[in-house]
All heavy atoms as atom14 arrays in JSON, in Angstrom:
{
  "sequence": "DWIGKQLSVGSAQLQVDQYCERCMMITIDPDTLEPDKSLLKKVNE",
  "atom14_mask": [
    [1, 1, 1, 1, 1, 1, 1, 1, 0, 0, 0, 0, 0, 0],
    [1, 1, 1, 1, 1, 1, 1, 1, 1, 1, 1, 1, 1, 1],
    [1, 1, 1, 1, 1, 1, 1, 1, 0, 0, 0, 0, 0, 0],
    [1, 1, 1, 1, 0, 0, 0, 0, 0, 0, 0, 0, 0, 0],
    [1, 1, 1, 1, 1, 1, 1, 1, 1, 0, 0, 0, 0, 0],
    [1, 1, 1, 1, 1, 1, 1, 1, 1, 0, 0, 0, 0, 0],
    [1, 1, 1, 1, 1, 1, 1, 1, 0, 0, 0, 0, 0, 0],
    [1, 1, 1, 1, 1, 1, 0, 0, 0, 0, 0, 0, 0, 0],
    [1, 1, 1, 1, 1, 1, 1, 0, 0, 0, 0, 0, 0, 0],
    [1, 1, 1, 1, 0, 0, 0, 0, 0, 0, 0, 0, 0, 0],
    [1, 1, 1, 1, 1, 1, 0, 0, 0, 0, 0, 0, 0, 0],
    [1, 1, 1, 1, 1, 0, 0, 0, 0, 0, 0, 0, 0, 0],
    [1, 1, 1, 1, 1, 1, 1, 1, 1, 0, 0, 0, 0, 0],
    [1, 1, 1, 1, 1, 1, 1, 1, 0, 0, 0, 0, 0, 0],
    [1, 1, 1, 1, 1, 1, 1, 1, 1, 0, 0, 0, 0, 0],
    [1, 1, 1, 1, 1, 1, 1, 0, 0, 0, 0, 0, 0, 0],
    [1, 1, 1, 1, 1, 1, 1, 1, 0, 0, 0, 0, 0, 0],
    [1, 1, 1, 1, 1, 1, 1, 1, 1, 0, 0, 0, 0, 0],
    [1, 1, 1, 1, 1, 1, 1, 1, 1, 1, 1, 1, 0, 0],
    [1, 1, 1, 1, 1, 1, 0, 0, 0, 0, 0, 0, 0, 0],
    [1, 1, 1, 1, 1, 1, 1, 1, 1, 0, 0, 0, 0, 0],
    [1, 1, 1, 1, 1, 1, 1, 1, 1, 1, 1, 0, 0, 0],
    [1, 1, 1, 1, 1, 1, 0, 0, 0, 0, 0, 0, 0, 0],
    [1, 1, 1, 1, 1, 1, 1, 1, 0, 0, 0, 0, 0, 0],
    [1, 1, 1, 1, 1, 1, 1, 1, 0, 0, 0, 0, 0, 0],
    [1, 1, 1, 1, 1, 1, 1, 1, 0, 0, 0, 0, 0, 0],
    [1, 1, 1, 1, 1, 1, 1, 0, 0, 0, 0, 0, 0, 0],
    [1, 1, 1, 1, 1, 1, 1, 1, 0, 0, 0, 0, 0, 0],
    [1, 1, 1, 1, 1, 1, 1, 1, 0, 0, 0, 0, 0, 0],
    [1, 1, 1, 1, 1, 1, 1, 0, 0, 0, 0, 0, 0, 0],
    [1, 1, 1, 1, 1, 1, 1, 1, 0, 0, 0, 0, 0, 0],
    [1, 1, 1, 1, 1, 1, 1, 0, 0, 0, 0, 0, 0, 0],
    [1, 1, 1, 1, 1, 1, 1, 1, 0, 0, 0, 0, 0, 0],
    [1, 1, 1, 1, 1, 1, 1, 1, 1, 0, 0, 0, 0, 0],
    [1, 1, 1, 1, 1, 1, 1, 0, 0, 0, 0, 0, 0, 0],
    [1, 1, 1, 1, 1, 1, 1, 1, 0, 0, 0, 0, 0, 0],
    [1, 1, 1, 1, 1, 1, 1, 1, 1, 0, 0, 0, 0, 0],
    [1, 1, 1, 1, 1, 1, 0, 0, 0, 0, 0, 0, 0, 0],
    [1, 1, 1, 1, 1, 1, 1, 1, 0, 0, 0, 0, 0, 0],
    [1, 1, 1, 1, 1, 1, 1, 1, 0, 0, 0, 0, 0, 0],
    [1, 1, 1, 1, 1, 1, 1, 1, 1, 0, 0, 0, 0, 0],
    [1, 1, 1, 1, 1, 1, 1, 1, 1, 0, 0, 0, 0, 0],
    [1, 1, 1, 1, 1, 1, 1, 0, 0, 0, 0, 0, 0, 0],
    [1, 1, 1, 1, 1, 1, 1, 1, 0, 0, 0, 0, 0, 0],
    [1, 1, 1, 1, 1, 1, 1, 1, 1, 0, 0, 0, 0, 0]
  ],
  "atom14_positions": [
    [[-9.76, -7.57, -4.65], [-10.43, -8.67, -5.36], [-9.42, -9.68, -5.92], [-9.8, -10.8, -6.31], [-11.27, -8.12, -6.51], [-12.35, -7.22, -6.08], [-12.8, -7.31, -4.87], [-12.81, -6.35, -6.85], [0.0, 0.0, 0.0], [0.0, 0.0, 0.0], [0.0, 0.0, 0.0], [0.0, 0.0, 0.0], [0.0, 0.0, 0.0], [0.0, 0.0, 0.0]],
    [[-8.19, -9.31, -6.04], [-7.14, -10.18, -6.57], [-6.5, -11.11, -5.55], [-5.76, -12.01, -5.93], [-6.05, -9.36, -7.22], [-6.44, -8.46, -8.35], [-7.54, -8.64, -9.17], [-5.79, -7.31, -8.79], [-7.59, -7.64, -10.1], [-6.52, -6.8, -9.9], [-4.66, -6.59, -8.41], [-6.18, -5.65, -10.59], [-4.27, -5.49, -9.1], [-5.01, -5.02, -10.2]],
    [[-6.8, -10.92, -4.27], [-6.2, -11.76, -3.26], [-6.61, -13.22, -3.5], [-7.78, -13.53, -3.71], [-6.62, -11.32, -1.82], [-6.01, -9.95, -1.53], [-6.17, -12.33, -0.76], [-6.47, -9.3, -0.25], [0.0, 0.0, 0.0], [0.0, 0.0, 0.0], [0.0, 0.0, 0.0], [0.0, 0.0, 0.0], [0.0, 0.0, 0.0], [0.0, 0.0, 0.0]],
    [[-5.58, -14.07, -3.52], [-5.79, -15.49, -3.8], [-5.7, -15.82, -5.31], [-5.81, -17.0, -5.69], [0.0, 0.0, 0.0], [0.0, 0.0, 0.0], [0.0, 0.0, 0.0], [0.0, 0.0, 0.0], [0.0, 0.0, 0.0], [0.0, 0.0, 0.0], [0.0, 0.0, 0.0], [0.0, 0.0, 0.0], [0.0, 0.0, 0.0], [0.0, 0.0, 0.0]],
    [[-5.49, -14.82, -6.11], [-5.47, -15.01, -7.56], [-4.04, -14.75, -8.07], [-3.23, -14.16, -7.43], [-6.45, -14.1, -8.28], [-7.89, -14.39, -7.87], [-8.86, -13.55, -8.55], [-10.27, -13.91, -8.13], [-11.28, -13.11, -8.77], [0.0, 0.0, 0.0], [0.0, 0.0, 0.0], [0.0, 0.0, 0.0], [0.0, 0.0, 0.0], [0.0, 0.0, 0.0]],
    [[-3.86, -15.22, -9.31], [-2.54, -14.98, -9.96], [-2.69, -13.89, -11.04], [-3.72, -13.83, -11.73], [-1.94, -16.24, -10.55], [-1.53, -17.22, -9.52], [-0.7, -18.37, -10.04], [-0.32, -18.38, -11.22], [-0.41, -19.32, -9.2], [0.0, 0.0, 0.0], [0.0, 0.0, 0.0], [0.0, 0.0, 0.0], [0.0, 0.0, 0.0], [0.0, 0.0, 0.0]],
    [[-1.65, -13.05, -11.14], [-1.6, -12.02, -12.17], [-0.43, -12.3, -13.07], [0.64, -12.71, -12.66], [-1.38, -10.64, -11.52], [-2.35, -10.16, -10.45], [-1.92, -8.8, -9.92], [-3.76, -10.12, -11.01], [0.0, 0.0, 0.0], [0.0, 0.0, 0.0], [0.0, 0.0, 0.0], [0.0, 0.0, 0.0], [0.0, 0.0, 0.0], [0.0, 0.0, 0.0]],
    [[-0.67, -12.04, -14.35], [0.42, -12.12, -15.35], [0.74, -10.65, -15.68], [-0.14, -9.88, -16.08], [0.0, -12.88, -16.58], [-0.28, -14.23, -16.27], [0.0, 0.0, 0.0], [0.0, 0.0, 0.0], [0.0, 0.0, 0.0], [0.0, 0.0, 0.0], [0.0, 0.0, 0.0], [0.0, 0.0, 0.0], [0.0, 0.0, 0.0], [0.0, 0.0, 0.0]],
    [[2.0, -10.3, -15.55], [2.47, -8.98, -15.89], [3.79, -9.15, -16.65], [4.71, -9.69, -16.15], [2.76, -8.08, -14.67], [3.06, -6.67, -15.03], [1.58, -8.18, -13.68], [0.0, 0.0, 0.0], [0.0, 0.0, 0.0], [0.0, 0.0, 0.0], [0.0, 0.0, 0.0], [0.0, 0.0, 0.0], [0.0, 0.0, 0.0], [0.0, 0.0, 0.0]],
    [[3.82, -8.65, -17.89], [4.97, -8.94, -18.71], [5.18, -10.43, -18.82], [4.21, -11.19, -19.03], [0.0, 0.0, 0.0], [0.0, 0.0, 0.0], [0.0, 0.0, 0.0], [0.0, 0.0, 0.0], [0.0, 0.0, 0.0], [0.0, 0.0, 0.0], [0.0, 0.0, 0.0], [0.0, 0.0, 0.0], [0.0, 0.0, 0.0], [0.0, 0.0, 0.0]],
    [[6.38, -10.87, -18.55], [6.66, -12.32, -18.55], [6.67, -12.93, -17.17], [7.01, -14.07, -16.98], [7.96, -12.62, -19.27], [9.04, -11.99, -18.65], [0.0, 0.0, 0.0], [0.0, 0.0, 0.0], [0.0, 0.0, 0.0], [0.0, 0.0, 0.0], [0.0, 0.0, 0.0], [0.0, 0.0, 0.0], [0.0, 0.0, 0.0], [0.0, 0.0, 0.0]],
    [[6.26, -12.14, -16.18], [6.21, -12.57, -14.75], [4.85, -13.05, -14.41], [3.82, -12.59, -14.92], [6.66, -11.46, -13.83], [0.0, 0.0, 0.0], [0.0, 0.0, 0.0], [0.0, 0.0, 0.0], [0.0, 0.0, 0.0], [0.0, 0.0, 0.0], [0.0, 0.0, 0.0], [0.0, 0.0, 0.0], [0.0, 0.0, 0.0], [0.0, 0.0, 0.0]],
    [[4.81, -13.95, -13.43], [3.56, -14.44, -12.82], [3.62, -14.18, -11.37], [4.55, -14.58, -10.66], [3.42, -15.95, -13.07], [2.1, -16.54, -12.66], [1.06, -16.44, -13.77], [1.41, -16.37, -14.92], [-0.21, -16.35, -13.4], [0.0, 0.0, 0.0], [0.0, 0.0, 0.0], [0.0, 0.0, 0.0], [0.0, 0.0, 0.0], [0.0, 0.0, 0.0]],
    [[2.58, -13.46, -10.83], [2.54, -13.07, -9.42], [1.34, -13.74, -8.76], [0.27, -13.83, -9.37], [2.46, -11.56, -9.3], [3.5, -10.74, -9.98], [3.17, -9.26, -9.87], [4.87, -11.03, -9.48], [0.0, 0.0, 0.0], [0.0, 0.0, 0.0], [0.0, 0.0, 0.0], [0.0, 0.0, 0.0], [0.0, 0.0, 0.0], [0.0, 0.0, 0.0]],
    [[1.49, -14.1, -7.53], [0.4, -14.6, -6.67], [0.06, -13.5, -5.65], [0.9, -13.11, -4.9], [0.82, -15.88, -5.93], [-0.13, -16.36, -4.92], [-1.4, -16.99, -5.53], [-1.32, -17.7, -6.52], [-2.56, -16.73, -4.99], [0.0, 0.0, 0.0], [0.0, 0.0, 0.0], [0.0, 0.0, 0.0], [0.0, 0.0, 0.0], [0.0, 0.0, 0.0]],
    [[-1.17, -12.98, -5.72], [-1.58, -11.95, -4.79], [-1.96, -12.63, -3.48], [-2.89, -13.47, -3.44], [-2.74, -11.1, -5.37], [-3.13, -10.0, -4.36], [-2.33, -10.48, -6.7], [0.0, 0.0, 0.0], [0.0, 0.0, 0.0], [0.0, 0.0, 0.0], [0.0, 0.0, 0.0], [0.0, 0.0, 0.0], [0.0, 0.0, 0.0], [0.0, 0.0, 0.0]],
    [[-1.27, -12.29, -2.41], [-1.37, -13.02, -1.15], [-2.26, -12.35, -0.09], [-3.02, -13.04, 0.58], [0.03, -13.23, -0.56], [0.91, -14.05, -1.48], [0.47, -15.07, -2.02], [2.08, -13.6, -1.7], [0.0, 0.0, 0.0], [0.0, 0.0, 0.0], [0.0, 0.0, 0.0], [0.0, 0.0, 0.0], [0.0, 0.0, 0.0], [0.0, 0.0, 0.0]],
    [[-2.11, -11.01, 0.11], [-2.8, -10.4, 1.19], [-2.75, -8.91, 1.01], [-1.98, -8.36, 0.23], [-2.18, -10.79, 2.52], [-0.79, -10.27, 2.7], [-0.16, -10.81, 4.0], [-0.24, -11.99, 4.27], [0.44, -9.92, 4.76], [0.0, 0.0, 0.0], [0.0, 0.0, 0.0], [0.0, 0.0, 0.0], [0.0, 0.0, 0.0], [0.0, 0.0, 0.0]],
    [[-3.61, -8.23, 1.84], [-3.61, -6.77, 1.9], [-2.31, -6.3, 2.53], [-1.68, -7.02, 3.29], [-4.73, -6.25, 2.75], [-6.05, -6.09, 2.05], [-7.13, -6.97, 2.37], [-6.27, -5.15, 1.06], [-8.35, -6.85, 1.74], [-7.5, -5.02, 0.44], [-8.52, -5.88, 0.75], [-9.74, -5.8, 0.13], [0.0, 0.0, 0.0], [0.0, 0.0, 0.0]],
    [[-1.96, -5.05, 2.22], [-0.82, -4.42, 2.91], [-1.37, -3.54, 4.03], [-2.2, -2.6, 3.74], [-0.03, -3.51, 1.94], [1.29, -2.58, 2.7], [0.0, 0.0, 0.0], [0.0, 0.0, 0.0], [0.0, 0.0, 0.0], [0.0, 0.0, 0.0], [0.0, 0.0, 0.0], [0.0, 0.0, 0.0], [0.0, 0.0, 0.0], [0.0, 0.0, 0.0]],
    [[-1.02, -3.84, 5.26], [-1.43, -3.04, 6.36], [-0.48, -1.85, 6.47], [0.74, -2.04, 6.61], [-1.44, -3.83, 7.68], [-2.05, -3.09, 8.84], [-2.19, -3.92, 10.07], [-2.76, -5.04, 9.98], [-1.67, -3.47, 11.14], [0.0, 0.0, 0.0], [0.0, 0.0, 0.0], [0.0, 0.0, 0.0], [0.0, 0.0, 0.0], [0.0, 0.0, 0.0]],
    [[-0.99, -0.63, 6.42], [-0.14, 0.56, 6.32], [0.35, 1.02, 7.73], [-0.3, 0.74, 8.76], [-0.93, 1.7, 5.68], [-1.43, 1.38, 4.3], [-0.51, 0.57, 3.38], [0.75, 1.13, 3.13], [1.37, 1.04, 1.98], [0.86, 0.45, 0.95], [2.58, 1.59, 1.82], [0.0, 0.0, 0.0], [0.0, 0.0, 0.0], [0.0, 0.0, 0.0]],
    [[1.46, 1.71, 7.69], [2.11, 2.22, 8.92], [2.36, 3.72, 8.75], [1.94, 4.34, 7.77], [3.41, 1.49, 9.16], [4.7, 1.83, 7.92], [0.0, 0.0, 0.0], [0.0, 0.0, 0.0], [0.0, 0.0, 0.0], [0.0, 0.0, 0.0], [0.0, 0.0, 0.0], [0.0, 0.0, 0.0], [0.0, 0.0, 0.0], [0.0, 0.0, 0.0]],
    [[3.05, 4.29, 9.71], [3.31, 5.73, 9.73], [4.08, 6.24, 8.49], [4.07, 7.41, 8.23], [4.09, 6.1, 10.97], [3.31, 5.98, 12.25], [1.9, 7.09, 12.34], [2.75, 8.69, 12.47], [0.0, 0.0, 0.0], [0.0, 0.0, 0.0], [0.0, 0.0, 0.0], [0.0, 0.0, 0.0], [0.0, 0.0, 0.0], [0.0, 0.0, 0.0]],
    [[4.76, 5.36, 7.75], [5.54, 5.84, 6.58], [4.73, 6.57, 5.55], [5.24, 7.47, 4.91], [6.28, 4.63, 5.93], [7.42, 4.07, 6.72], [8.72, 5.27, 7.08], [9.35, 5.56, 5.42], [0.0, 0.0, 0.0], [0.0, 0.0, 0.0], [0.0, 0.0, 0.0], [0.0, 0.0, 0.0], [0.0, 0.0, 0.0], [0.0, 0.0, 0.0]],
    [[3.45, 6.21, 5.43], [2.61, 6.89, 4.41], [2.31, 8.34, 4.8], [1.85, 9.1, 3.98], [1.29, 6.13, 4.14], [0.36, 6.14, 5.33], [1.58, 4.75, 3.62], [-1.07, 5.65, 5.03], [0.0, 0.0, 0.0], [0.0, 0.0, 0.0], [0.0, 0.0, 0.0], [0.0, 0.0, 0.0], [0.0, 0.0, 0.0], [0.0, 0.0, 0.0]],
    [[2.55, 8.71, 6.06], [2.25, 10.08, 6.51], [3.35, 11.06, 6.08], [3.17, 12.26, 6.16], [2.13, 10.13, 8.06], [3.42, 9.9, 8.65], [1.09, 9.16, 8.58], [0.0, 0.0, 0.0], [0.0, 0.0, 0.0], [0.0, 0.0, 0.0], [0.0, 0.0, 0.0], [0.0, 0.0, 0.0], [0.0, 0.0, 0.0], [0.0, 0.0, 0.0]],
    [[4.45, 10.59, 5.57], [5.59, 11.42, 5.22], [5.5, 11.87, 3.76], [5.51, 11.03, 2.85], [6.94, 10.72, 5.48], [7.02, 10.36, 7.01], [8.13, 11.56, 5.06], [8.19, 9.46, 7.34], [0.0, 0.0, 0.0], [0.0, 0.0, 0.0], [0.0, 0.0, 0.0], [0.0, 0.0, 0.0], [0.0, 0.0, 0.0], [0.0, 0.0, 0.0]],
    [[5.48, 13.18, 3.53], [5.46, 13.71, 2.19], [6.85, 13.41, 1.53], [7.89, 13.73, 2.11], [5.26, 15.2, 2.22], [5.22, 15.83, 0.86], [6.23, 15.86, 0.16], [4.12, 16.3, 0.46], [0.0, 0.0, 0.0], [0.0, 0.0, 0.0], [0.0, 0.0, 0.0], [0.0, 0.0, 0.0], [0.0, 0.0, 0.0], [0.0, 0.0, 0.0]],
    [[6.87, 12.73, 0.38], [8.14, 12.32, -0.2], [9.0, 13.51, -0.66], [10.23, 13.32, -0.8], [7.75, 11.47, -1.4], [6.32, 11.81, -1.65], [5.73, 12.3, -0.41], [0.0, 0.0, 0.0], [0.0, 0.0, 0.0], [0.0, 0.0, 0.0], [0.0, 0.0, 0.0], [0.0, 0.0, 0.0], [0.0, 0.0, 0.0], [0.0, 0.0, 0.0]],
    [[8.48, 14.67, -0.87], [9.24, 15.82, -1.31], [9.74, 16.67, -0.11], [10.91, 17.03, -0.03], [8.47, 16.75, -2.25], [8.23, 16.07, -3.59], [9.14, 15.31, -4.06], [7.12, 16.21, -4.13], [0.0, 0.0, 0.0], [0.0, 0.0, 0.0], [0.0, 0.0, 0.0], [0.0, 0.0, 0.0], [0.0, 0.0, 0.0], [0.0, 0.0, 0.0]],
    [[8.86, 16.92, 0.87], [9.22, 17.83, 1.95], [9.6, 17.05, 3.21], [10.18, 17.69, 4.15], [8.0, 18.71, 2.32], [6.97, 17.87, 2.83], [7.51, 19.5, 1.12], [0.0, 0.0, 0.0], [0.0, 0.0, 0.0], [0.0, 0.0, 0.0], [0.0, 0.0, 0.0], [0.0, 0.0, 0.0], [0.0, 0.0, 0.0], [0.0, 0.0, 0.0]],
    [[9.29, 15.76, 3.29], [9.56, 14.93, 4.48], [8.68, 15.35, 5.66], [8.9, 14.86, 6.79], [11.0, 14.83, 4.84], [11.92, 14.37, 3.73], [13.35, 14.31, 4.21], [11.51, 13.01, 3.21], [0.0, 0.0, 0.0], [0.0, 0.0, 0.0], [0.0, 0.0, 0.0], [0.0, 0.0, 0.0], [0.0, 0.0, 0.0], [0.0, 0.0, 0.0]],
    [[7.71, 16.23, 5.45], [6.81, 16.67, 6.49], [5.73, 15.56, 6.74], [5.13, 15.09, 5.78], [6.13, 17.98, 6.11], [7.05, 19.16, 6.06], [7.64, 19.51, 7.43], [6.87, 19.49, 8.44], [8.85, 19.82, 7.48], [0.0, 0.0, 0.0], [0.0, 0.0, 0.0], [0.0, 0.0, 0.0], [0.0, 0.0, 0.0], [0.0, 0.0, 0.0]],
    [[5.51, 15.21, 7.95], [4.49, 14.22, 8.26], [3.05, 14.85, 8.3], [2.91, 15.99, 8.64], [4.9, 13.66, 9.61], [5.57, 14.78, 10.23], [6.26, 15.56, 9.16], [0.0, 0.0, 0.0], [0.0, 0.0, 0.0], [0.0, 0.0, 0.0], [0.0, 0.0, 0.0], [0.0, 0.0, 0.0], [0.0, 0.0, 0.0], [0.0, 0.0, 0.0]],
    [[2.06, 14.07, 7.92], [0.67, 14.47, 8.07], [-0.06, 13.21, 8.56], [-0.47, 12.38, 7.75], [0.1, 14.96, 6.77], [-1.29, 15.54, 6.92], [-2.01, 15.19, 7.92], [-1.75, 16.29, 6.03], [0.0, 0.0, 0.0], [0.0, 0.0, 0.0], [0.0, 0.0, 0.0], [0.0, 0.0, 0.0], [0.0, 0.0, 0.0], [0.0, 0.0, 0.0]],
    [[-0.24, 13.14, 9.86], [-0.86, 11.97, 10.46], [-2.3, 11.74, 10.1], [-2.83, 10.65, 10.27], [-0.67, 11.98, 11.98], [0.79, 11.9, 12.39], [0.94, 11.98, 13.88], [2.43, 11.98, 14.27], [2.67, 12.09, 15.68], [0.0, 0.0, 0.0], [0.0, 0.0, 0.0], [0.0, 0.0, 0.0], [0.0, 0.0, 0.0], [0.0, 0.0, 0.0]],
    [[-2.93, 12.79, 9.53], [-4.34, 12.67, 9.16], [-4.53, 11.62, 8.05], [-5.61, 11.01, 7.96], [-4.95, 14.01, 8.73], [-4.4, 14.44, 7.51], [0.0, 0.0, 0.0], [0.0, 0.0, 0.0], [0.0, 0.0, 0.0], [0.0, 0.0, 0.0], [0.0, 0.0, 0.0], [0.0, 0.0, 0.0], [0.0, 0.0, 0.0], [0.0, 0.0, 0.0]],
    [[-3.51, 11.35, 7.22], [-3.6, 10.34, 6.18], [-3.75, 8.95, 6.79], [-4.63, 8.15, 6.43], [-2.45, 10.43, 5.22], [-2.45, 9.32, 4.13], [-3.73, 9.38, 3.28], [-1.22, 9.46, 3.26], [0.0, 0.0, 0.0], [0.0, 0.0, 0.0], [0.0, 0.0, 0.0], [0.0, 0.0, 0.0], [0.0, 0.0, 0.0], [0.0, 0.0, 0.0]],
    [[-2.93, 8.61, 7.71], [-2.97, 7.29, 8.35], [-4.3, 7.16, 9.1], [-4.93, 6.09, 9.06], [-1.76, 7.06, 9.27], [-1.69, 5.68, 9.85], [-1.48, 4.6, 8.77], [-0.52, 5.61, 10.85], [0.0, 0.0, 0.0], [0.0, 0.0, 0.0], [0.0, 0.0, 0.0], [0.0, 0.0, 0.0], [0.0, 0.0, 0.0], [0.0, 0.0, 0.0]],
    [[-4.73, 8.23, 9.74], [-6.01, 8.18, 10.45], [-7.14, 7.89, 9.48], [-8.0, 7.04, 9.73], [-6.27, 9.51, 11.15], [-7.53, 9.52, 11.92], [-7.73, 10.81, 12.7], [-9.02, 10.81, 13.43], [-9.28, 12.04, 14.12], [0.0, 0.0, 0.0], [0.0, 0.0, 0.0], [0.0, 0.0, 0.0], [0.0, 0.0, 0.0], [0.0, 0.0, 0.0]],
    [[-7.12, 8.51, 8.3], [-8.17, 8.3, 7.3], [-8.09, 6.86, 6.73], [-9.14, 6.19, 6.56], [-8.02, 9.31, 6.18], [-9.1, 9.25, 5.09], [-10.51, 9.41, 5.63], [-10.79, 10.82, 6.16], [-12.2, 11.03, 6.62], [0.0, 0.0, 0.0], [0.0, 0.0, 0.0], [0.0, 0.0, 0.0], [0.0, 0.0, 0.0], [0.0, 0.0, 0.0]],
    [[-6.88, 6.37, 6.48], [-6.74, 4.97, 5.98], [-7.27, 4.01, 7.02], [-7.91, 3.01, 6.7], [-5.27, 4.7, 5.59], [-5.05, 3.22, 5.31], [-4.86, 5.52, 4.37], [0.0, 0.0, 0.0], [0.0, 0.0, 0.0], [0.0, 0.0, 0.0], [0.0, 0.0, 0.0], [0.0, 0.0, 0.0], [0.0, 0.0, 0.0], [0.0, 0.0, 0.0]],
    [[-7.0, 4.33, 8.31], [-7.53, 3.47, 9.38], [-9.03, 3.46, 9.45], [-9.68, 2.42, 9.46], [-6.91, 3.87, 10.7], [-7.34, 2.96, 11.86], [-7.43, 1.77, 11.7], [-7.6, 3.54, 13.01], [0.0, 0.0, 0.0], [0.0, 0.0, 0.0], [0.0, 0.0, 0.0], [0.0, 0.0, 0.0], [0.0, 0.0, 0.0], [0.0, 0.0, 0.0]],
    [[-9.62, 4.67, 9.43], [-11.08, 4.86, 9.57], [-11.84, 4.28, 8.38], [-12.86, 3.6, 8.53], [-11.44, 6.33, 9.66], [-10.99, 6.97, 10.98], [-11.18, 8.49, 10.99], [-11.47, 9.08, 9.91], [-10.96, 9.09, 12.03], [0.0, 0.0, 0.0], [0.0, 0.0, 0.0], [0.0, 0.0, 0.0], [0.0, 0.0, 0.0], [0.0, 0.0, 0.0]]
  ]
}
C-alpha cells in the first residue's frame, strides 16, 4: 500500500518505489545454509 508514497523514518525520507521480486536466496536458512525451495514456491503461488 506504500508504493508511490513517501515514508518518514527517523530523520530520513524514503520514497517507496516498487515490490521486491524474490529469488532463490530466500530459500537458504541463514543458520544452517540448507535450502528449502518450498518457500520460494509458496511466495510464487
